[in-house]
Amino acid sequence: MTRLIAIRHGETAWNVDTRIQGQLDIGLNDKGLWQARCVGRALVDEPVSVIYASDLSRAWQTAQEIAQRLTTAARIVPEPRLRERAFGAFEGRTFSEIEAEQPEAALRWRRRDPHFAPLGGETLIDFRSRVTAVTDELAARHPGELVVFVAHGGVMDVLYRAATRQDLVAQRTWRLDNAAINRMLWTPQGLSLVGWGDDAHLAEGATLDETCT
């Protein structure tokens, strides 16, 4: 059994603007940096063995802030397979722009068509396969240990669905907030949920839910 803490990166300016980041390299805003520091303080005494982080700046910066505050001196390992879903031509656009300019594509996206991919992007099926495969691989390396993933809203969504056996196309009823702490257990049989969306460490400021998954 491996204990897993999964954390969505801190807030970015594009989160505030509801602009799709995908795999574009957008850094944290001031609030996002504050949120990341808060996560680090919340996890300060946790026996973290290693932090695996998406190599995109918003996740990597969040991981750095967390690592600086841990007492275990856990190393940070870049893991490109923990990147957000690739949204191709949708990246850099707002939701309303896509709906106005490409209504049919927007509808397939909103309905979570598992076979739909924006031009140059990933389907939900391919994205899920990528995230679940890297999760199994990394968690299996650390039996009996506590591992932290720092990634993105779409990655959090895949992990939640895997841990709760939710269908890929089921409507989302759970939150995917910036810098919330999500806890799971991994065994060779799969993930199970321990706790989700803990944001008590962010009581001084609201968080933004992921709106593109």
C-alpha atoms as a PDB file:
ATOM      1  CA  MET A   1       0.000   0.000   0.000  1.00  0.00           C
ATOM      2  CA  THR A   2       1.206   3.489  -0.864  1.00  0.00           C
ATOM      3  CA  ARG A   3      -0.297   6.652   0.601  1.00  0.00           C
ATOM      4  CA  LEU A   4      -0.829   9.378  -1.947  1.00  0.00           C
ATOM      5  CA  ILE A   5      -1.497  13.102  -1.495  1.00  0.00           C
ATOM      6  CA  ALA A   6      -2.548  14.785  -4.735  1.00  0.00           C
ATOM      7  CA  ILE A   7      -2.548  18.564  -5.008  1.00  0.00           C
ATOM      8  CA  ARG A   8      -3.699  20.812  -7.805  1.00  0.00           C
ATOM      9  CA  HIS A   9      -1.320  23.720  -8.399  1.00  0.00           C
ATOM     10  CA  GLY A  10      -1.976  27.154  -6.907  1.00  0.00           C
ATOM     11  CA  GLU A  11      -3.990  29.810  -8.668  1.00  0.00           C
ATOM     12  CA  THR A  12      -2.879  31.468 -11.917  1.00  0.00           C
ATOM     13  CA  ALA A  13      -4.100  34.578 -13.683  1.00  0.00           C
ATOM     14  CA  TRP A  14      -5.577  32.346 -16.357  1.00  0.00           C
ATOM     15  CA  ASN A  15      -7.607  30.447 -13.738  1.00  0.00           C
ATOM     16  CA  VAL A  16      -9.155  33.761 -12.754  1.00  0.00           C
ATOM     17  CA  ASP A  17      -9.882  34.602 -16.406  1.00  0.00           C
ATOM     18  CA  THR A  18     -11.288  31.084 -17.089  1.00  0.00           C
ATOM     19  CA  ARG A  19      -8.720  30.783 -19.874  1.00  0.00           C
ATOM     20  CA  ILE A  20      -7.703  27.250 -20.849  1.00  0.00           C
ATOM     21  CA  GLN A  21      -4.112  26.542 -19.936  1.00  0.00           C
ATOM     22  CA  GLY A  22      -3.742  22.930 -20.989  1.00  0.00           C
ATOM     23  CA  GLN A  23      -0.035  22.356 -21.552  1.00  0.00           C
ATOM     24  CA  LEU A  24       0.877  26.025 -21.981  1.00  0.00           C
ATOM     25  CA  ASP A  25       3.432  27.039 -19.357  1.00  0.00           C
ATOM     26  CA  ILE A  26       1.664  29.571 -17.131  1.00  0.00           C
ATOM     27  CA  GLY A  27       3.126  30.512 -13.738  1.00  0.00           C
ATOM     28  CA  LEU A  28       1.394  31.169 -10.444  1.00  0.00           C
ATOM     29  CA  ASN A  29      -0.017  34.551  -9.519  1.00  0.00           C
ATOM     30  CA  ASP A  30       0.601  36.077  -6.080  1.00  0.00           C
ATOM     31  CA  LYS A  31      -2.386  34.308  -4.583  1.00  0.00           C
ATOM     32  CA  GLY A  32      -1.226  31.015  -6.055  1.00  0.00           C
ATOM     33  CA  LEU A  33       2.181  31.390  -4.427  1.00  0.00           C
ATOM     34  CA  TRP A  34       0.488  32.110  -1.098  1.00  0.00           C
ATOM     35  CA  GLN A  35      -1.702  29.030  -1.520  1.00  0.00           C
ATOM     36  CA  ALA A  36       1.353  26.877  -2.249  1.00  0.00           C
ATOM     37  CA  ARG A  37       3.082  28.116   0.889  1.00  0.00           C
ATOM     38  CA  CYS A  38      -0.052  27.296   2.866  1.00  0.00           C
ATOM     39  CA  VAL A  39      -0.010  23.732   1.556  1.00  0.00           C
ATOM     40  CA  GLY A  40       3.608  23.398   2.618  1.00  0.00           C
ATOM     41  CA  ARG A  41       2.799  24.556   6.124  1.00  0.00           C
ATOM     42  CA  ALA A  42      -0.157  22.152   6.286  1.00  0.00           C
ATOM     43  CA  LEU A  43       2.060  19.212   5.320  1.00  0.00           C
ATOM     44  CA  VAL A  44       5.120  20.279   7.312  1.00  0.00           C
ATOM     45  CA  ASP A  45       5.164  17.230   9.602  1.00  0.00           C
ATOM     46  CA  GLU A  46       3.968  14.645   7.067  1.00  0.00           C
ATOM     47  CA  PRO A  47       6.537  11.873   6.361  1.00  0.00           C
ATOM     48  CA  VAL A  48       6.716  12.623   2.634  1.00  0.00           C
ATOM     49  CA  SER A  49       9.229  10.450   0.767  1.00  0.00           C
ATOM     50  CA  VAL A  50       9.144  12.181  -2.604  1.00  0.00           C
ATOM     51  CA  ILE A  51       7.200  14.790  -4.569  1.00  0.00           C
ATOM     52  CA  TYR A  52       6.390  14.049  -8.194  1.00  0.00           C
ATOM     53  CA  ALA A  53       5.365  17.211 -10.014  1.00  0.00           C
ATOM     54  CA  SER A  54       4.258  18.152 -13.483  1.00  0.00           C
ATOM     55  CA  ASP A  55       7.071  20.045 -15.128  1.00  0.00           C
ATOM     56  CA  LEU A  56       4.795  22.964 -16.061  1.00  0.00           C
ATOM     57  CA  SER A  57       5.665  26.082 -14.059  1.00  0.00           C
ATOM     58  CA  ARG A  58       2.426  26.388 -12.106  1.00  0.00           C
ATOM     59  CA  ALA A  59       2.790  22.867 -10.712  1.00  0.00           C
ATOM     60  CA  TRP A  60       6.570  23.004 -10.327  1.00  0.00           C
ATOM     61  CA  GLN A  61       6.419  26.312  -8.394  1.00  0.00           C
ATOM     62  CA  THR A  62       3.745  24.827  -6.125  1.00  0.00           C
ATOM     63  CA  ALA A  63       5.913  21.763  -5.477  1.00  0.00           C
ATOM     64  CA  GLN A  64       8.929  23.926  -4.651  1.00  0.00           C
ATOM     65  CA  GLU A  65       6.976  25.933  -2.081  1.00  0.00           C
ATOM     66  CA  ILE A  66       5.737  22.726  -0.487  1.00  0.00           C
ATOM     67  CA  ALA A  67       9.162  21.069  -0.416  1.00  0.00           C
ATOM     68  CA  GLN A  68      10.796  24.081   1.245  1.00  0.00           C
ATOM     69  CA  ARG A  69       8.523  23.662   4.259  1.00  0.00           C
ATOM     70  CA  LEU A  70       8.682  19.901   4.794  1.00  0.00           C
ATOM     71  CA  THR A  71      10.833  18.476   7.564  1.00  0.00           C
ATOM     72  CA  THR A  72      11.678  15.361   5.514  1.00  0.00           C
ATOM     73  CA  ALA A  73      13.752  17.122   2.809  1.00  0.00           C
ATOM     74  CA  ALA A  74      11.766  15.245   0.172  1.00  0.00           C
ATOM     75  CA  ARG A  75      13.177  15.637  -3.312  1.00  0.00           C
ATOM     76  CA  ILE A  76      11.068  16.935  -6.215  1.00  0.00           C
ATOM     77  CA  VAL A  77      11.049  14.823  -9.357  1.00  0.00           C
ATOM     78  CA  PRO A  78       9.726  16.328 -12.619  1.00  0.00           C
ATOM     79  CA  GLU A  79       7.173  14.093 -14.296  1.00  0.00           C
ATOM     80  CA  PRO A  80       5.838  15.311 -17.680  1.00  0.00           C
ATOM     81  CA  ARG A  81       3.164  12.602 -17.668  1.00  0.00           C
ATOM     82  CA  LEU A  82       1.458  14.509 -14.832  1.00  0.00           C
ATOM     83  CA  ARG A  83       0.837  17.458 -17.139  1.00  0.00           C
ATOM     84  CA  GLU A  84      -2.675  18.748 -17.735  1.00  0.00           C
ATOM     85  CA  ARG A  85      -4.693  17.328 -20.601  1.00  0.00           C
ATOM     86  CA  ALA A  86      -3.497  18.726 -23.927  1.00  0.00           C
ATOM     87  CA  PHE A  87      -6.245  20.962 -25.298  1.00  0.00           C
ATOM     88  CA  GLY A  88      -4.501  21.815 -28.547  1.00  0.00           C
ATOM     89  CA  ALA A  89      -6.268  24.648 -30.405  1.00  0.00           C
ATOM     90  CA  PHE A  90      -8.408  25.379 -27.331  1.00  0.00           C
ATOM     91  CA  GLU A  91      -5.398  26.462 -25.272  1.00  0.00           C
ATOM     92  CA  GLY A  92      -5.267  30.179 -24.575  1.00  0.00           C
ATOM     93  CA  ARG A  93      -8.989  30.558 -25.278  1.00  0.00           C
ATOM     94  CA  THR A  94     -11.775  31.213 -22.800  1.00  0.00           C
ATOM     95  CA  PHE A  95     -14.745  28.895 -22.504  1.00  0.00           C
ATOM     96  CA  SER A  96     -17.106  31.541 -23.883  1.00  0.00           C
ATOM     97  CA  GLU A  97     -14.861  32.150 -26.916  1.00  0.00           C
ATOM     98  CA  ILE A  98     -14.869  28.473 -27.818  1.00  0.00           C
ATOM     99  CA  GLU A  99     -18.630  28.185 -27.387  1.00  0.00           C
ATOM    100  CA  ALA A 100     -19.170  31.201 -29.650  1.00  0.00           C
ATOM    101  CA  GLU A 101     -16.662  30.199 -32.346  1.00  0.00           C
ATOM    102  CA  GLN A 102     -16.887  26.382 -32.329  1.00  0.00           C
ATOM    103  CA  PRO A 103     -20.302  25.473 -30.893  1.00  0.00           C
ATOM    104  CA  GLU A 104     -20.276  21.845 -32.074  1.00  0.00           C
ATOM    105  CA  ALA A 105     -16.815  21.200 -30.665  1.00  0.00           C
ATOM    106  CA  ALA A 106     -17.755  22.978 -27.441  1.00  0.00           C
ATOM    107  CA  LEU A 107     -20.845  20.800 -27.068  1.00  0.00           C
ATOM    108  CA  ARG A 108     -18.870  17.579 -27.493  1.00  0.00           C
ATOM    109  CA  TRP A 109     -16.398  18.840 -24.920  1.00  0.00           C
ATOM    110  CA  ARG A 110     -19.089  19.851 -22.427  1.00  0.00           C
ATOM    111  CA  ARG A 111     -20.789  16.468 -22.820  1.00  0.00           C
ATOM    112  CA  ARG A 112     -17.461  14.760 -22.052  1.00  0.00           C
ATOM    113  CA  ASP A 113     -17.379  12.845 -25.320  1.00  0.00           C
ATOM    114  CA  PRO A 114     -14.543  10.419 -24.510  1.00  0.00           C
ATOM    115  CA  HIS A 115     -13.438  10.265 -28.157  1.00  0.00           C
ATOM    116  CA  PHE A 116     -13.362  14.017 -28.774  1.00  0.00           C
ATOM    117  CA  ALA A 117     -10.081  15.908 -28.945  1.00  0.00           C
ATOM    118  CA  PRO A 118      -9.577  19.555 -29.870  1.00  0.00           C
ATOM    119  CA  LEU A 119      -7.291  19.938 -32.870  1.00  0.00           C
ATOM    120  CA  GLY A 120      -3.836  18.947 -31.636  1.00  0.00           C
ATOM    121  CA  GLY A 121      -5.148  17.819 -28.239  1.00  0.00           C
ATOM    122  CA  GLU A 122      -5.894  14.605 -26.336  1.00  0.00           C
ATOM    123  CA  THR A 123      -9.091  12.628 -26.018  1.00  0.00           C
ATOM    124  CA  LEU A 124     -10.391  11.932 -22.526  1.00  0.00           C
ATOM    125  CA  ILE A 125      -9.631   8.255 -23.053  1.00  0.00           C
ATOM    126  CA  ASP A 126      -6.000   8.925 -23.904  1.00  0.00           C
ATOM    127  CA  PHE A 127      -5.657  11.415 -21.056  1.00  0.00           C
ATOM    128  CA  ARG A 128      -7.070   8.967 -18.514  1.00  0.00           C
ATOM    129  CA  SER A 129      -4.748   6.224 -19.770  1.00  0.00           C
ATOM    130  CA  ARG A 130      -1.737   8.506 -19.375  1.00  0.00           C
ATOM    131  CA  VAL A 131      -2.631   9.583 -15.822  1.00  0.00           C
ATOM    132  CA  THR A 132      -3.612   6.170 -14.498  1.00  0.00           C
ATOM    133  CA  ALA A 133      -0.520   4.523 -15.996  1.00  0.00           C
ATOM    134  CA  VAL A 134       1.915   6.985 -14.434  1.00  0.00           C
ATOM    135  CA  THR A 135       0.064   6.818 -11.109  1.00  0.00           C
ATOM    136  CA  ASP A 136       0.369   3.034 -10.997  1.00  0.00           C
ATOM    137  CA  GLU A 137       4.030   3.167 -12.000  1.00  0.00           C
ATOM    138  CA  LEU A 138       5.071   5.815  -9.482  1.00  0.00           C
ATOM    139  CA  ALA A 139       2.998   4.533  -6.562  1.00  0.00           C
ATOM    140  CA  ALA A 140       4.335   1.009  -7.048  1.00  0.00           C
ATOM    141  CA  ARG A 141       7.875   2.336  -6.493  1.00  0.00           C
ATOM    142  CA  HIS A 142       7.062   3.421  -2.927  1.00  0.00           C
ATOM    143  CA  PRO A 143       5.248   0.681  -0.978  1.00  0.00           C
ATOM    144  CA  GLY A 144       4.560   1.728   2.592  1.00  0.00           C
ATOM    145  CA  GLU A 145       5.555   5.333   1.901  1.00  0.00           C
ATOM    146  CA  LEU A 146       3.786   8.683   1.505  1.00  0.00           C
ATOM    147  CA  VAL A 147       4.084  10.230  -1.950  1.00  0.00           C
ATOM    148  CA  VAL A 148       2.900  13.656  -3.104  1.00  0.00           C
ATOM    149  CA  PHE A 149       1.710  14.436  -6.630  1.00  0.00           C
ATOM    150  CA  VAL A 150       1.486  18.085  -7.672  1.00  0.00           C
ATOM    151  CA  ALA A 151      -0.415  18.423 -10.902  1.00  0.00           C
ATOM    152  CA  HIS A 152      -3.516  19.946 -12.491  1.00  0.00           C
ATOM    153  CA  GLY A 153      -7.296  19.994 -12.304  1.00  0.00           C
ATOM    154  CA  GLY A 154      -7.753  17.430 -15.042  1.00  0.00           C
ATOM    155  CA  VAL A 155      -5.310  15.078 -13.353  1.00  0.00           C
ATOM    156  CA  MET A 156      -7.177  15.462 -10.056  1.00  0.00           C
ATOM    157  CA  ASP A 157     -10.412  14.622 -11.860  1.00  0.00           C
ATOM    158  CA  VAL A 158      -8.969  11.401 -13.301  1.00  0.00           C
ATOM    159  CA  LEU A 159      -7.632  10.376  -9.903  1.00  0.00           C
ATOM    160  CA  TYR A 160     -10.966  11.024  -8.188  1.00  0.00           C
ATOM    161  CA  ARG A 161     -12.850   9.015 -10.783  1.00  0.00           C
ATOM    162  CA  ALA A 162     -10.370   6.154 -10.492  1.00  0.00           C
ATOM    163  CA  ALA A 163     -10.560   6.132  -6.673  1.00  0.00           C
ATOM    164  CA  THR A 164     -14.372   6.245  -6.587  1.00  0.00           C
ATOM    165  CA  ARG A 165     -15.006   4.084  -9.681  1.00  0.00           C
ATOM    166  CA  GLN A 166     -16.790   6.950 -11.440  1.00  0.00           C
ATOM    167  CA  ASP A 167     -17.350   6.614 -15.162  1.00  0.00           C
ATOM    168  CA  LEU A 168     -15.222   8.794 -17.423  1.00  0.00           C
ATOM    169  CA  VAL A 169     -18.299  10.559 -18.793  1.00  0.00           C
ATOM    170  CA  ALA A 170     -20.192  10.950 -15.505  1.00  0.00           C
ATOM    171  CA  GLN A 171     -21.127  14.515 -14.628  1.00  0.00           C
ATOM    172  CA  ARG A 172     -18.699  15.961 -12.092  1.00  0.00           C
ATOM    173  CA  THR A 173     -20.187  16.697  -8.655  1.00  0.00           C
ATOM    174  CA  TRP A 174     -16.880  17.056  -6.763  1.00  0.00           C
ATOM    175  CA  ARG A 175     -14.623  20.095  -6.560  1.00  0.00           C
ATOM    176  CA  LEU A 176     -11.111  20.436  -7.956  1.00  0.00           C
ATOM    177  CA  ASP A 177      -9.894  23.500  -6.113  1.00  0.00           C
ATOM    178  CA  ASN A 178      -6.470  25.090  -6.403  1.00  0.00           C
ATOM    179  CA  ALA A 179      -4.143  23.920  -3.618  1.00  0.00           C
ATOM    180  CA  ALA A 180      -6.670  21.643  -1.902  1.00  0.00           C
ATOM    181  CA  ILE A 181      -5.250  18.499  -0.266  1.00  0.00           C
ATOM    182  CA  ASN A 182      -6.600  15.194  -1.605  1.00  0.00           C
ATOM    183  CA  ARG A 183      -5.687  11.881   0.035  1.00  0.00           C
ATOM    184  CA  MET A 184      -5.832   8.395  -1.449  1.00  0.00           C
ATOM    185  CA  LEU A 185      -4.443   4.912  -0.936  1.00  0.00           C
ATOM    186  CA  TRP A 186      -2.909   2.915  -3.776  1.00  0.00           C
ATOM    187  CA  THR A 187      -2.561  -0.863  -3.966  1.00  0.00           C
ATOM    188  CA  PRO A 188      -1.998  -3.069  -7.015  1.00  0.00           C
ATOM    189  CA  GLN A 189      -5.788  -3.351  -7.135  1.00  0.00           C
ATOM    190  CA  GLY A 190      -6.129   0.402  -7.676  1.00  0.00           C
ATOM    191  CA  LEU A 191      -6.859   3.636  -5.831  1.00  0.00           C
ATOM    192  CA  SER A 192      -9.251   4.239  -2.940  1.00  0.00           C
ATOM    193  CA  LEU A 193     -10.346   7.567  -1.533  1.00  0.00           C
ATOM    194  CA  VAL A 194      -9.383   8.694   1.974  1.00  0.00           C
ATOM    195  CA  GLY A 195     -10.283  12.384   1.892  1.00  0.00           C
ATOM    196  CA  TRP A 196     -10.955  14.974  -0.787  1.00  0.00           C
ATOM    197  CA  GLY A 197     -10.870  18.744  -1.155  1.00  0.00           C
ATOM    198  CA  ASP A 198      -9.369  19.642   2.222  1.00  0.00           C
ATOM    199  CA  ASP A 199      -8.870  23.419   2.080  1.00  0.00           C
ATOM    200  CA  ALA A 200      -8.836  24.232   5.800  1.00  0.00           C
ATOM    201  CA  HIS A 201      -5.295  25.569   5.387  1.00  0.00           C
ATOM    202  CA  LEU A 202      -6.675  28.179   2.958  1.00  0.00           C
ATOM    203  CA  ALA A 203      -9.315  29.579   5.284  1.00  0.00           C
ATOM    204  CA  GLU A 204      -8.170  33.155   4.637  1.00  0.00           C
ATOM    205  CA  GLY A 205      -8.965  33.043   0.933  1.00  0.00           C
ATOM    206  CA  ALA A 206     -11.414  31.342  -1.427  1.00  0.00           C
ATOM    207  CA  THR A 207     -10.241  28.870  -4.041  1.00  0.00           C
ATOM    208  CA  LEU A 208     -11.313  28.435  -7.650  1.00  0.00           C
ATOM    209  CA  ASP A 209     -12.831  25.193  -8.827  1.00  0.00           C
ATOM    210  CA  GLU A 210     -11.528  23.733 -12.085  1.00  0.00           C
ATOM    211  CA  THR A 211     -14.163  24.447 -14.745  1.00  0.00           C
ATOM    212  CA  CYS A 212     -12.730  22.713 -17.815  1.00  0.00           C
ATOM    213  CA  THR A 213     -13.116  19.075 -16.774  1.00  0.00           C
END
